[in-house]
C-alpha atoms as a PDB file:
ATOM      1  CA  UNK A   1     -26.906  -6.086  -4.007  1.00  0.00           C
ATOM      2  CA  UNK A   2     -24.163  -3.782  -5.632  1.00  0.00           C
ATOM      3  CA  UNK A   3     -20.769  -5.765  -4.969  1.00  0.00           C
ATOM      4  CA  UNK A   4     -17.438  -3.305  -5.493  1.00  0.00           C
ATOM      5  CA  UNK A   5     -14.214  -5.523  -5.657  1.00  0.00           C
ATOM      6  CA  UNK A   6     -12.243  -2.944  -7.656  1.00  0.00           C
ATOM      7  CA  UNK A   7     -10.386  -1.660  -4.715  1.00  0.00           C
ATOM      8  CA  UNK A   8     -10.190  -1.971  -0.859  1.00  0.00           C
ATOM      9  CA  UNK A   9     -10.241   1.644  -0.919  1.00  0.00           C
ATOM     10  CA  UNK A  10     -13.916   1.756  -1.743  1.00  0.00           C
ATOM     11  CA  UNK A  11     -15.122   1.427   2.022  1.00  0.00           C
ATOM     12  CA  UNK A  12     -17.532   3.557   3.670  1.00  0.00           C
ATOM     13  CA  UNK A  13     -16.804   4.411   7.454  1.00  0.00           C
ATOM     14  CA  UNK A  14     -18.636   1.719   9.976  1.00  0.00           C
ATOM     15  CA  UNK A  15     -21.233   3.442  12.229  1.00  0.00           C
ATOM     16  CA  UNK A  16     -18.851   3.178  15.081  1.00  0.00           C
ATOM     17  CA  UNK A  17     -15.817   5.086  13.109  1.00  0.00           C
ATOM     18  CA  UNK A  18     -18.628   8.210  12.056  1.00  0.00           C
ATOM     19  CA  UNK A  19     -19.369   8.756  15.861  1.00  0.00           C
ATOM     20  CA  UNK A  20     -15.799   8.866  16.159  1.00  0.00           C
ATOM     21  CA  UNK A  21     -15.206  11.312  13.826  1.00  0.00           C
ATOM     22  CA  UNK A  22     -18.093  12.912  14.634  1.00  0.00           C
ATOM     23  CA  UNK A  23     -16.985  13.379  18.500  1.00  0.00           C
ATOM     24  CA  UNK A  24     -13.187  14.544  17.472  1.00  0.00           C
ATOM     25  CA  UNK A  25     -11.156  17.222  19.238  1.00  0.00           C
ATOM     26  CA  UNK A  26      -9.707  19.445  16.225  1.00  0.00           C
ATOM     27  CA  UNK A  27      -7.574  22.159  15.787  1.00  0.00           C
ATOM     28  CA  UNK A  28      -5.798  23.558  13.005  1.00  0.00           C
ATOM     29  CA  UNK A  29      -3.349  20.861  11.846  1.00  0.00           C
ATOM     30  CA  UNK A  30      -0.790  23.263  10.122  1.00  0.00           C
ATOM     31  CA  UNK A  31      -0.356  25.712  13.013  1.00  0.00           C
ATOM     32  CA  UNK A  32       0.401  22.170  14.742  1.00  0.00           C
ATOM     33  CA  UNK A  33      -3.098  22.319  17.175  1.00  0.00           C
ATOM     34  CA  UNK A  34      -5.231  19.613  16.084  1.00  0.00           C
ATOM     35  CA  UNK A  35      -5.175  17.260  18.877  1.00  0.00           C
ATOM     36  CA  UNK A  36      -6.563  14.309  16.656  1.00  0.00           C
ATOM     37  CA  UNK A  37      -3.893  14.733  14.293  1.00  0.00           C
ATOM     38  CA  UNK A  38      -1.123  14.309  16.871  1.00  0.00           C
ATOM     39  CA  UNK A  39      -2.712  11.546  18.670  1.00  0.00           C
ATOM     40  CA  UNK A  40      -2.942   9.679  15.306  1.00  0.00           C
ATOM     41  CA  UNK A  41       1.047  10.570  14.249  1.00  0.00           C
ATOM     42  CA  UNK A  42       2.001   9.555  17.749  1.00  0.00           C
ATOM     43  CA  UNK A  43       0.122   5.989  17.917  1.00  0.00           C
ATOM     44  CA  UNK A  44       1.319   5.087  14.458  1.00  0.00           C
ATOM     45  CA  UNK A  45       4.687   6.236  15.063  1.00  0.00           C
ATOM     46  CA  UNK A  46       4.950   3.684  18.273  1.00  0.00           C
ATOM     47  CA  UNK A  47       3.209   0.734  16.737  1.00  0.00           C
ATOM     48  CA  UNK A  48       5.834   0.986  13.894  1.00  0.00           C
ATOM     49  CA  UNK A  49       8.905   1.883  16.393  1.00  0.00           C
ATOM     50  CA  UNK A  50       9.287   5.008  14.487  1.00  0.00           C
ATOM     51  CA  UNK A  51       9.878   8.664  16.216  1.00  0.00           C
ATOM     52  CA  UNK A  52       7.360  10.593  14.658  1.00  0.00           C
ATOM     53  CA  UNK A  53       4.172  10.550  12.139  1.00  0.00           C
ATOM     54  CA  UNK A  54       3.026  13.293   9.734  1.00  0.00           C
ATOM     55  CA  UNK A  55      -0.311  13.033   8.588  1.00  0.00           C
ATOM     56  CA  UNK A  56      -0.865  13.249   4.880  1.00  0.00           C
ATOM     57  CA  UNK A  57      -4.456  12.971   2.491  1.00  0.00           C
ATOM     58  CA  UNK A  58      -2.879  10.193   0.467  1.00  0.00           C
ATOM     59  CA  UNK A  59      -0.820   7.134   0.383  1.00  0.00           C
ATOM     60  CA  UNK A  60       1.023   9.026  -2.718  1.00  0.00           C
ATOM     61  CA  UNK A  61       1.905  11.774  -0.717  1.00  0.00           C
ATOM     62  CA  UNK A  62       3.216   9.795   1.890  1.00  0.00           C
ATOM     63  CA  UNK A  63       5.453   7.858  -0.523  1.00  0.00           C
ATOM     64  CA  UNK A  64       6.719  11.026  -2.301  1.00  0.00           C
ATOM     65  CA  UNK A  65       7.318  12.779   0.482  1.00  0.00           C
ATOM     66  CA  UNK A  66       9.545  10.113   1.994  1.00  0.00           C
ATOM     67  CA  UNK A  67      11.261   9.879  -1.614  1.00  0.00           C
ATOM     68  CA  UNK A  68      11.733  13.533  -1.464  1.00  0.00           C
ATOM     69  CA  UNK A  69      13.369  13.757   2.033  1.00  0.00           C
ATOM     70  CA  UNK A  70      15.998  10.925   1.247  1.00  0.00           C
ATOM     71  CA  UNK A  71      16.818  11.652  -2.229  1.00  0.00           C
ATOM     72  CA  UNK A  72      18.809  14.144  -4.151  1.00  0.00           C
ATOM     73  CA  UNK A  73      18.087  15.187  -7.794  1.00  0.00           C
ATOM     74  CA  UNK A  74      20.014  12.698  -9.730  1.00  0.00           C
ATOM     75  CA  UNK A  75      20.148  10.262  -7.485  1.00  0.00           C
ATOM     76  CA  UNK A  76      18.351   6.713  -8.357  1.00  0.00           C
ATOM     77  CA  UNK A  77      16.074   4.367  -6.865  1.00  0.00           C
ATOM     78  CA  UNK A  78      15.913   0.718  -6.386  1.00  0.00           C
ATOM     79  CA  UNK A  79      12.525  -0.704  -6.529  1.00  0.00           C
ATOM     80  CA  UNK A  80      10.058  -3.425  -7.954  1.00  0.00           C
ATOM     81  CA  UNK A  81       9.458  -2.855 -11.349  1.00  0.00           C
ATOM     82  CA  UNK A  82       5.671  -3.140 -10.525  1.00  0.00           C
ATOM     83  CA  UNK A  83       6.202  -0.507  -7.346  1.00  0.00           C
ATOM     84  CA  UNK A  84       3.351   1.762  -6.542  1.00  0.00           C
ATOM     85  CA  UNK A  85       5.903   4.584  -6.748  1.00  0.00           C
ATOM     86  CA  UNK A  86       7.182   3.773 -10.120  1.00  0.00           C
ATOM     87  CA  UNK A  87       3.764   2.832 -11.827  1.00  0.00           C
ATOM     88  CA  UNK A  88       1.041   4.376 -10.138  1.00  0.00           C
ATOM     89  CA  UNK A  89       1.818   7.629  -8.742  1.00  0.00           C
ATOM     90  CA  UNK A  90       1.586   9.691 -12.047  1.00  0.00           C
ATOM     91  CA  UNK A  91       5.718  10.155 -12.200  1.00  0.00           C
ATOM     92  CA  UNK A  92       6.224  11.955  -9.414  1.00  0.00           C
ATOM     93  CA  UNK A  93       9.762  10.001  -8.382  1.00  0.00           C
ATOM     94  CA  UNK A  94      10.870  11.682 -11.744  1.00  0.00           C
ATOM     95  CA  UNK A  95       8.887  15.098 -11.383  1.00  0.00           C
ATOM     96  CA  UNK A  96       8.842  15.449  -7.507  1.00  0.00           C
ATOM     97  CA  UNK A  97      12.643  14.118  -6.830  1.00  0.00           C
ATOM     98  CA  UNK A  98      14.216  14.191  -9.870  1.00  0.00           C
ATOM     99  CA  UNK A  99      15.576  10.973  -9.524  1.00  0.00           C
ATOM    100  CA  UNK A 100      15.482   8.014 -11.837  1.00  0.00           C
ATOM    101  CA  UNK A 101      14.298   4.220 -11.085  1.00  0.00           C
ATOM    102  CA  UNK A 102      16.199   1.261 -11.141  1.00  0.00           C
ATOM    103  CA  UNK A 103      13.756  -1.340 -11.707  1.00  0.00           C
ATOM    104  CA  UNK A 104      13.804  -5.303 -10.359  1.00  0.00           C
ATOM    105  CA  UNK A 105      12.397  -7.939 -10.922  1.00  0.00           C
ATOM    106  CA  UNK A 106      12.118  -9.710  -7.847  1.00  0.00           C
ATOM    107  CA  UNK A 107      10.533 -12.601  -6.466  1.00  0.00           C
ATOM    108  CA  UNK A 108       7.124 -12.023  -7.034  1.00  0.00           C
ATOM    109  CA  UNK A 109       7.927  -8.083  -6.374  1.00  0.00           C
ATOM    110  CA  UNK A 110       9.958  -8.643  -3.593  1.00  0.00           C
ATOM    111  CA  UNK A 111      14.060  -7.642  -3.731  1.00  0.00           C
ATOM    112  CA  UNK A 112      17.037  -9.424  -2.390  1.00  0.00           C
ATOM    113  CA  UNK A 113      19.975  -8.578  -1.227  1.00  0.00           C
ATOM    114  CA  UNK A 114      21.350 -10.049  -4.413  1.00  0.00           C
ATOM    115  CA  UNK A 115      19.176  -7.602  -6.508  1.00  0.00           C
ATOM    116  CA  UNK A 116      20.152  -4.608  -4.366  1.00  0.00           C
ATOM    117  CA  UNK A 117      24.149  -5.586  -4.616  1.00  0.00           C
ATOM    118  CA  UNK A 118      23.739  -6.055  -8.666  1.00  0.00           C
ATOM    119  CA  UNK A 119      21.608  -2.395  -8.839  1.00  0.00           C
ATOM    120  CA  UNK A 120      24.171  -0.266  -7.190  1.00  0.00           C
ATOM    121  CA  UNK A 121      25.584   2.074  -9.581  1.00  0.00           C
ATOM    122  CA  UNK A 122      29.451   2.537  -9.555  1.00  0.00           C
ATOM    123  CA  UNK A 123      29.446   6.075  -7.447  1.00  0.00           C
ATOM    124  CA  UNK A 124      32.802   7.169  -9.552  1.00  0.00           C
ATOM    125  CA  UNK A 125      31.132   6.777 -12.725  1.00  0.00           C
ATOM    126  CA  UNK A 126      29.592  10.520 -13.512  1.00  0.00           C
ATOM    127  CA  UNK A 127      27.968   8.854 -17.091  1.00  0.00           C
ATOM    128  CA  UNK A 128      25.368   6.869 -13.761  1.00  0.00           C
ATOM    129  CA  UNK A 129      22.984   8.220 -11.407  1.00  0.00           C
ATOM    130  CA  UNK A 130      23.876   7.910  -7.746  1.00  0.00           C
ATOM    131  CA  UNK A 131      21.984   4.940  -6.035  1.00  0.00           C
ATOM    132  CA  UNK A 132      20.826   6.646  -2.976  1.00  0.00           C
ATOM    133  CA  UNK A 133      17.684   4.952  -1.994  1.00  0.00           C
ATOM    134  CA  UNK A 134      16.419   1.074  -1.715  1.00  0.00           C
ATOM    135  CA  UNK A 135      12.185   1.046  -1.617  1.00  0.00           C
ATOM    136  CA  UNK A 136      10.284  -2.006  -0.724  1.00  0.00           C
ATOM    137  CA  UNK A 137       6.372  -2.507  -1.097  1.00  0.00           C
ATOM    138  CA  UNK A 138       4.614  -4.634   1.333  1.00  0.00           C
ATOM    139  CA  UNK A 139       1.984  -5.919   0.547  1.00  0.00           C
ATOM    140  CA  UNK A 140       3.093  -6.013  -3.357  1.00  0.00           C
ATOM    141  CA  UNK A 141       0.046  -4.396  -5.285  1.00  0.00           C
ATOM    142  CA  UNK A 142       1.031  -6.170  -8.436  1.00  0.00           C
ATOM    143  CA  UNK A 143       1.661  -9.620  -7.059  1.00  0.00           C
ATOM    144  CA  UNK A 144      -1.753 -10.659  -5.758  1.00  0.00           C
ATOM    145  CA  UNK A 145      -0.263  -9.269  -2.106  1.00  0.00           C
ATOM    146  CA  UNK A 146       2.828 -11.160  -1.464  1.00  0.00           C
ATOM    147  CA  UNK A 147       4.647 -10.246   1.504  1.00  0.00           C
ATOM    148  CA  UNK A 148       8.029  -9.737   3.001  1.00  0.00           C
ATOM    149  CA  UNK A 149       9.158 -11.049   6.119  1.00  0.00           C
ATOM    150  CA  UNK A 150      10.990  -9.322   8.805  1.00  0.00           C
ATOM    151  CA  UNK A 151      13.997 -11.730   8.100  1.00  0.00           C
ATOM    152  CA  UNK A 152      14.144 -10.921   4.399  1.00  0.00           C
ATOM    153  CA  UNK A 153      13.577  -7.145   5.115  1.00  0.00           C
ATOM    154  CA  UNK A 154      16.434  -7.218   7.908  1.00  0.00           C
ATOM    155  CA  UNK A 155      18.812  -8.683   5.291  1.00  0.00           C
ATOM    156  CA  UNK A 156      17.997  -6.261   2.871  1.00  0.00           C
ATOM    157  CA  UNK A 157      17.823  -3.122   5.026  1.00  0.00           C
ATOM    158  CA  UNK A 158      21.339  -4.436   6.733  1.00  0.00           C
ATOM    159  CA  UNK A 159      23.175  -4.593   3.512  1.00  0.00           C
ATOM    160  CA  UNK A 160      21.798  -1.624   2.094  1.00  0.00           C
ATOM    161  CA  UNK A 161      22.525   0.656   4.422  1.00  0.00           C
ATOM    162  CA  UNK A 162      26.389  -0.956   4.876  1.00  0.00           C
ATOM    163  CA  UNK A 163      26.439   0.551   1.395  1.00  0.00           C
ATOM    164  CA  UNK A 164      25.100   4.114   2.435  1.00  0.00           C
ATOM    165  CA  UNK A 165      21.641   3.805   1.135  1.00  0.00           C
ATOM    166  CA  UNK A 166      18.618   4.859   2.525  1.00  0.00           C
ATOM    167  CA  UNK A 167      15.480   2.598   2.706  1.00  0.00           C
ATOM    168  CA  UNK A 168      11.737   3.389   2.329  1.00  0.00           C
ATOM    169  CA  UNK A 169       8.774   1.167   2.595  1.00  0.00           C
ATOM    170  CA  UNK A 170       5.887   1.604   0.918  1.00  0.00           C
ATOM    171  CA  UNK A 171       3.441  -0.341   3.347  1.00  0.00           C
ATOM    172  CA  UNK A 172       0.034   0.902   2.351  1.00  0.00           C
ATOM    173  CA  UNK A 173      -1.156  -2.856   3.311  1.00  0.00           C
ATOM    174  CA  UNK A 174       0.887  -3.210   5.679  1.00  0.00           C
ATOM    175  CA  UNK A 175      -1.243  -4.585   8.571  1.00  0.00           C
ATOM    176  CA  UNK A 176      -2.596  -7.254   5.806  1.00  0.00           C
ATOM    177  CA  UNK A 177       1.112  -8.761   5.758  1.00  0.00           C
ATOM    178  CA  UNK A 178       1.598  -8.539   9.783  1.00  0.00           C
ATOM    179  CA  UNK A 179      -1.686 -10.679   9.481  1.00  0.00           C
ATOM    180  CA  UNK A 180      -0.231 -13.602   7.796  1.00  0.00           C
ATOM    181  CA  UNK A 181       3.119 -13.222   9.569  1.00  0.00           C
ATOM    182  CA  UNK A 182       2.259 -12.343  12.733  1.00  0.00           C
ATOM    183  CA  UNK A 183       5.713 -10.434  13.436  1.00  0.00           C
ATOM    184  CA  UNK A 184       5.760  -7.263  15.767  1.00  0.00           C
ATOM    185  CA  UNK A 185       5.106  -4.308  13.587  1.00  0.00           C
ATOM    186  CA  UNK A 186       7.559  -1.617  16.383  1.00  0.00           C
ATOM    187  CA  UNK A 187      10.015  -4.045  14.464  1.00  0.00           C
ATOM    188  CA  UNK A 188       9.583  -2.203  11.224  1.00  0.00           C
ATOM    189  CA  UNK A 189      11.316   1.059  12.453  1.00  0.00           C
ATOM    190  CA  UNK A 190      14.792  -0.472  12.881  1.00  0.00           C
ATOM    191  CA  UNK A 191      14.970  -1.318   9.030  1.00  0.00           C
ATOM    192  CA  UNK A 192      14.008   2.099   7.626  1.00  0.00           C
ATOM    193  CA  UNK A 193      14.280   5.844   7.500  1.00  0.00           C
ATOM    194  CA  UNK A 194      10.979   6.424   5.977  1.00  0.00           C
ATOM    195  CA  UNK A 195       7.495   4.228   6.147  1.00  0.00           C
ATOM    196  CA  UNK A 196       4.203   5.047   4.170  1.00  0.00           C
ATOM    197  CA  UNK A 197       0.981   3.365   5.787  1.00  0.00           C
ATOM    198  CA  UNK A 198      -2.379   4.123   4.278  1.00  0.00           C
ATOM    199  CA  UNK A 199      -5.672   3.757   6.561  1.00  0.00           C
ATOM    200  CA  UNK A 200      -7.974   4.029   3.596  1.00  0.00           C
ATOM    201  CA  UNK A 201      -7.555   0.503   2.131  1.00  0.00           C
ATOM    202  CA  UNK A 202      -7.878  -2.248   4.240  1.00  0.00           C
ATOM    203  CA  UNK A 203      -8.489  -0.414   7.508  1.00  0.00           C
ATOM    204  CA  UNK A 204     -11.704   1.091   6.075  1.00  0.00           C
ATOM    205  CA  UNK A 205     -11.230   4.708   6.934  1.00  0.00           C
ATOM    206  CA  UNK A 206     -12.128   7.087   4.590  1.00  0.00           C
ATOM    207  CA  UNK A 207      -9.282   9.469   3.781  1.00  0.00           C
ATOM    208  CA  UNK A 208      -5.596   9.408   4.736  1.00  0.00           C
ATOM    209  CA  UNK A 209      -1.803   7.842   5.023  1.00  0.00           C
ATOM    210  CA  UNK A 210       1.136   8.797   7.232  1.00  0.00           C
ATOM    211  CA  UNK A 211       4.852   9.012   6.732  1.00  0.00           C
ATOM    212  CA  UNK A 212       6.613   7.598   9.758  1.00  0.00           C
ATOM    213  CA  UNK A 213      10.328   8.853  10.301  1.00  0.00           C
ATOM    214  CA  UNK A 214      12.991   9.268  12.159  1.00  0.00           C
ATOM    215  CA  UNK A 215      13.104  12.651  14.228  1.00  0.00           C
ATOM    216  CA  UNK A 216      15.499  14.486  11.901  1.00  0.00           C
ATOM    217  CA  UNK A 217      13.546  13.860   9.164  1.00  0.00           C
ATOM    218  CA  UNK A 218      10.494  15.290  10.365  1.00  0.00           C
ATOM    219  CA  UNK A 219      10.415  18.871   9.686  1.00  0.00           C
ATOM    220  CA  UNK A 220      11.572  18.417   6.632  1.00  0.00           C
ATOM    221  CA  UNK A 221       8.738  15.751   6.014  1.00  0.00           C
ATOM    222  CA  UNK A 222       6.145  18.445   7.081  1.00  0.00           C
ATOM    223  CA  UNK A 223       8.133  21.339   4.547  1.00  0.00           C
ATOM    224  CA  UNK A 224       7.941  19.150   1.240  1.00  0.00           C
ATOM    225  CA  UNK A 225       4.254  18.379   2.899  1.00  0.00           C
ATOM    226  CA  UNK A 226       3.074  21.813   2.700  1.00  0.00           C
ATOM    227  CA  UNK A 227       4.959  22.519  -0.876  1.00  0.00           C
ATOM    228  CA  UNK A 228       3.287  19.582  -2.163  1.00  0.00           C
ATOM    229  CA  UNK A 229      -0.381  21.096  -0.991  1.00  0.00           C
ATOM    230  CA  UNK A 230      -1.154  18.578   1.830  1.00  0.00           C
ATOM    231  CA  UNK A 231      -1.236  21.037   5.109  1.00  0.00           C
ATOM    232  CA  UNK A 232      -4.729  20.020   6.331  1.00  0.00           C
ATOM    233  CA  UNK A 233      -6.395  22.380   8.942  1.00  0.00           C
ATOM    234  CA  UNK A 234      -9.086  20.951  10.922  1.00  0.00           C
ATOM    235  CA  UNK A 235      -8.018  17.376   9.664  1.00  0.00           C
ATOM    236  CA  UNK A 236      -8.877  16.172  13.039  1.00  0.00           C
ATOM    237  CA  UNK A 237     -12.172  14.451  11.705  1.00  0.00           C
ATOM    238  CA  UNK A 238     -10.181  12.665   9.553  1.00  0.00           C
ATOM    239  CA  UNK A 239      -7.540  11.504  12.093  1.00  0.00           C
ATOM    240  CA  UNK A 240     -10.462  10.559  14.464  1.00  0.00           C
ATOM    241  CA  UNK A 241     -11.432   7.786  11.465  1.00  0.00           C
ATOM    242  CA  UNK A 242      -7.772   6.654  11.867  1.00  0.00           C
ATOM    243  CA  UNK A 243      -7.578   6.063  15.262  1.00  0.00           C
ATOM    244  CA  UNK A 244     -10.685   4.301  15.368  1.00  0.00           C
ATOM    245  CA  UNK A 245      -8.937   1.983  12.223  1.00  0.00           C
ATOM    246  CA  UNK A 246      -6.099   1.034  13.953  1.00  0.00           C
ATOM    247  CA  UNK A 247      -8.114   0.121  16.886  1.00  0.00           C
ATOM    248  CA  UNK A 248     -10.505  -1.836  15.731  1.00  0.00           C
ATOM    249  CA  UNK A 249     -10.265  -3.100  12.165  1.00  0.00           C
ATOM    250  CA  UNK A 250      -6.326  -4.514  11.775  1.00  0.00           C
ATOM    251  CA  UNK A 251      -7.943  -7.738  13.840  1.00  0.00           C
ATOM    252  CA  UNK A 252     -10.661  -8.378  10.930  1.00  0.00           C
ATOM    253  CA  UNK A 253      -8.214  -8.290   7.964  1.00  0.00           C
ATOM    254  CA  UNK A 254      -7.604 -12.115   8.219  1.00  0.00           C
ATOM    255  CA  UNK A 255     -11.189 -12.602   7.500  1.00  0.00           C
ATOM    256  CA  UNK A 256     -10.654 -10.451   3.989  1.00  0.00           C
ATOM    257  CA  UNK A 257      -7.638 -12.940   3.491  1.00  0.00           C
ATOM    258  CA  UNK A 258     -10.089 -15.966   3.734  1.00  0.00           C
ATOM    259  CA  UNK A 259     -12.356 -14.671   1.285  1.00  0.00           C
ATOM    260  CA  UNK A 260      -9.828 -13.605  -1.103  1.00  0.00           C
ATOM    261  CA  UNK A 261      -8.674 -17.318  -1.061  1.00  0.00           C
ATOM    262  CA  UNK A 262     -11.815 -18.595  -1.406  1.00  0.00           C
ATOM    263  CA  UNK A 263     -12.631 -16.552  -4.328  1.00  0.00           C
ATOM    264  CA  UNK A 264      -8.929 -17.831  -5.980  1.00  0.00           C
ATOM    265  CA  UNK A 265      -9.846 -20.829  -5.508  1.00  0.00           C
ATOM    266  CA  UNK A 266     -13.304 -21.094  -7.351  1.00  0.00           C
ATOM    267  CA  UNK A 267     -12.074 -19.189 -10.334  1.00  0.00           C
ATOM    268  CA  UNK A 268      -8.909 -21.613 -10.659  1.00  0.00           C
ATOM    269  CA  UNK A 269     -11.742 -24.400 -11.786  1.00  0.00           C
ATOM    270  CA  UNK A 270     -13.448 -22.222 -14.468  1.00  0.00           C
ATOM    271  CA  UNK A 271     -12.878 -22.671 -17.882  1.00  0.00           C
ATOM    272  CA  UNK A 272     -12.818 -19.210 -18.859  1.00  0.00           C
ATOM    273  CA  UNK A 273      -9.726 -18.379 -16.670  1.00  0.00           C
ATOM    274  CA  UNK A 274      -6.168 -19.600 -17.151  1.00  0.00           C
ATOM    275  CA  UNK A 275      -4.233 -18.633 -14.545  1.00  0.00           C
ATOM    276  CA  UNK A 276      -4.948 -17.493 -10.844  1.00  0.00           C
ATOM    277  CA  UNK A 277      -1.823 -15.786  -8.904  1.00  0.00           C
ATOM    278  CA  UNK A 278      -1.041 -17.216  -5.608  1.00  0.00           C
ATOM    279  CA  UNK A 279      -3.507 -15.459  -3.312  1.00  0.00           C
ATOM    280  CA  UNK A 280      -1.537 -14.513  -0.163  1.00  0.00           C
ATOM    281  CA  UNK A 281      -3.693 -11.514   0.977  1.00  0.00           C
ATOM    282  CA  UNK A 282      -6.757  -9.667  -0.203  1.00  0.00           C
ATOM    283  CA  UNK A 283      -5.489  -9.425  -3.525  1.00  0.00           C
ATOM    284  CA  UNK A 284      -7.018 -11.727  -6.434  1.00  0.00           C
ATOM    285  CA  UNK A 285      -5.431 -11.507  -9.710  1.00  0.00           C
ATOM    286  CA  UNK A 286      -6.290 -13.851 -12.557  1.00  0.00           C
ATOM    287  CA  UNK A 287      -5.768 -13.903 -16.337  1.00  0.00           C
ATOM    288  CA  UNK A 288      -8.522 -14.432 -18.680  1.00  0.00           C
ATOM    289  CA  UNK A 289      -8.099 -17.461 -21.263  1.00  0.00           C
ATOM    290  CA  UNK A 290      -6.814 -15.885 -24.407  1.00  0.00           C
ATOM    291  CA  UNK A 291     -10.057 -16.455 -26.392  1.00  0.00           C
ATOM    292  CA  UNK A 292     -11.871 -13.873 -24.132  1.00  0.00           C
ATOM    293  CA  UNK A 293     -11.140 -10.521 -23.263  1.00  0.00           C
ATOM    294  CA  UNK A 294     -11.015  -8.930 -19.472  1.00  0.00           C
ATOM    295  CA  UNK A 295     -13.951  -6.461 -20.998  1.00  0.00           C
ATOM    296  CA  UNK A 296     -15.989  -9.646 -21.780  1.00  0.00           C
ATOM    297  CA  UNK A 297     -15.764 -10.402 -18.110  1.00  0.00           C
ATOM    298  CA  UNK A 298     -16.310  -7.537 -16.541  1.00  0.00           C
ATOM    299  CA  UNK A 299     -19.472  -6.897 -18.500  1.00  0.00           C
ATOM    300  CA  UNK A 300     -20.835  -9.975 -17.546  1.00  0.00           C
ATOM    301  CA  UNK A 301     -20.323  -8.997 -13.826  1.00  0.00           C
ATOM    302  CA  UNK A 302     -21.370  -5.508 -14.470  1.00  0.00           C
ATOM    303  CA  UNK A 303     -25.127  -7.233 -15.611  1.00  0.00           C
ATOM    304  CA  UNK A 304     -24.657  -8.987 -11.508  1.00  0.00           C
ATOM    305  CA  UNK A 305     -23.515  -5.789 -10.332  1.00  0.00           C
ATOM    306  CA  UNK A 306     -20.225  -7.417  -9.473  1.00  0.00           C
ATOM    307  CA  UNK A 307     -17.617  -4.333  -9.764  1.00  0.00           C
ATOM    308  CA  UNK A 308     -13.651  -5.544 -10.605  1.00  0.00           C
ATOM    309  CA  UNK A 309     -10.999  -3.911 -12.367  1.00  0.00           C
ATOM    310  CA  UNK A 310      -9.120  -4.679 -15.583  1.00  0.00           C
ATOM    311  CA  UNK A 311      -5.197  -4.940 -14.377  1.00  0.00           C
ATOM    312  CA  UNK A 312      -3.327  -5.498 -17.686  1.00  0.00           C
ATOM    313  CA  UNK A 313      -3.840  -6.956 -21.521  1.00  0.00           C
ATOM    314  CA  UNK A 314      -5.475 -10.102 -19.686  1.00  0.00           C
ATOM    315  CA  UNK A 315      -5.705  -9.566 -15.987  1.00  0.00           C
ATOM    316  CA  UNK A 316      -8.454  -8.666 -13.856  1.00  0.00           C
ATOM    317  CA  UNK A 317      -8.204  -7.724 -10.014  1.00  0.00           C
ATOM    318  CA  UNK A 318     -10.571  -8.129  -7.400  1.00  0.00           C
ATOM    319  CA  UNK A 319      -9.824  -6.779  -3.262  1.00  0.00           C
ATOM    320  CA  UNK A 320     -11.799  -8.278  -0.898  1.00  0.00           C
ATOM    321  CA  UNK A 321     -12.308  -5.242   1.810  1.00  0.00           C
ATOM    322  CA  UNK A 322     -14.341  -4.343   5.090  1.00  0.00           C
ATOM    323  CA  UNK A 323     -17.509  -4.006   3.030  1.00  0.00           C
ATOM    324  CA  UNK A 324     -17.304  -7.756   1.325  1.00  0.00           C
ATOM    325  CA  UNK A 325     -19.538  -9.513   3.382  1.00  0.00           C
ATOM    326  CA  UNK A 326     -20.018 -13.899   3.318  1.00  0.00           C
ATOM    327  CA  UNK A 327     -23.606 -12.862   1.317  1.00  0.00           C
ATOM    328  CA  UNK A 328     -21.508 -10.925  -0.982  1.00  0.00           C
ATOM    329  CA  UNK A 329     -19.057 -13.592  -1.027  1.00  0.00           C
ATOM    330  CA  UNK A 330     -21.345 -16.452  -2.156  1.00  0.00           C
ATOM    331  CA  UNK A 331     -23.455 -14.276  -4.335  1.00  0.00           C
ATOM    332  CA  UNK A 332     -20.076 -13.488  -6.164  1.00  0.00           C
ATOM    333  CA  UNK A 333     -19.224 -17.134  -6.452  1.00  0.00           C
ATOM    334  CA  UNK A 334     -22.477 -18.395  -7.676  1.00  0.00           C
ATOM    335  CA  UNK A 335     -21.848 -15.405 -10.724  1.00  0.00           C
ATOM    336  CA  UNK A 336     -18.592 -16.419 -11.081  1.00  0.00           C
ATOM    337  CA  UNK A 337     -19.800 -20.202 -11.847  1.00  0.00           C
ATOM    338  CA  UNK A 338     -22.304 -19.497 -14.090  1.00  0.00           C
ATOM    339  CA  UNK A 339     -20.461 -17.115 -16.239  1.00  0.00           C
ATOM    340  CA  UNK A 340     -20.445 -18.240 -19.925  1.00  0.00           C
ATOM    341  CA  UNK A 341     -18.465 -16.642 -22.592  1.00  0.00           C
END
């Protein structure tokens, strides 16, 4: 039994999803003629309270497009210091947008009104970059899947917009957050100019993310998608997988969260684990005790056919997902308990 806990991107299409893909109605999406892509984009826009959606190959692309249409060269984006848009997108904020980042510590990655207020540069000071956008991440990948509530988001958005700032959301795992808060997804559209959601993480689709935006940003977003090489042709086969995921895989996300919490509880009791960070959704991050190395632990896990990911000098990350079953949980827990370093 091979167990892959490196990421929730490793899932394979379920039988039902595969069937939906094979039955998809397709056309040329670059010409705007793929009915399945249109259905997915409209479905996502409706779910998130936005006007339009733009289907893309990856969450990095949807984030980069969103930031590109909201910023001008020499702008500055306020974000968490470990934000995916800053740390894991290959320097795209600098290269694609010609923008800098004002990095915030936050509360487990969550930015407050005070953080924004203290980070806005003086527009009249030509020495400083022009603050233009606040980018939030929900859930926060570097912080064990910590999440925002709508009240928190509303406060940040209302204040930021009162200062003339745009709002972008990296919602790669937004539905994981909503599973915990039980809030109305459609409310999100009130507080952001652009929202990126990923279909290939917790929702289990093989490929794809969607950028949601207001109508006036749709054409600029599609233009940037073309420039970035993101125009796909008969993409409806992939869009059909996304539609199926939205219809069938959101409700089950709580199962991933519960399994992650079980792993966290077990790890917190082991001598070779110094600390387990709070497990809020489907991400477990733990710190290996100083006298050991993450490489030692990963080697022991690999011997038992369990894959995990080094996530810092002493950190390891585990992510539960659609293809991680109760049987796999039981085996993993047994392996963790028996590891001797």
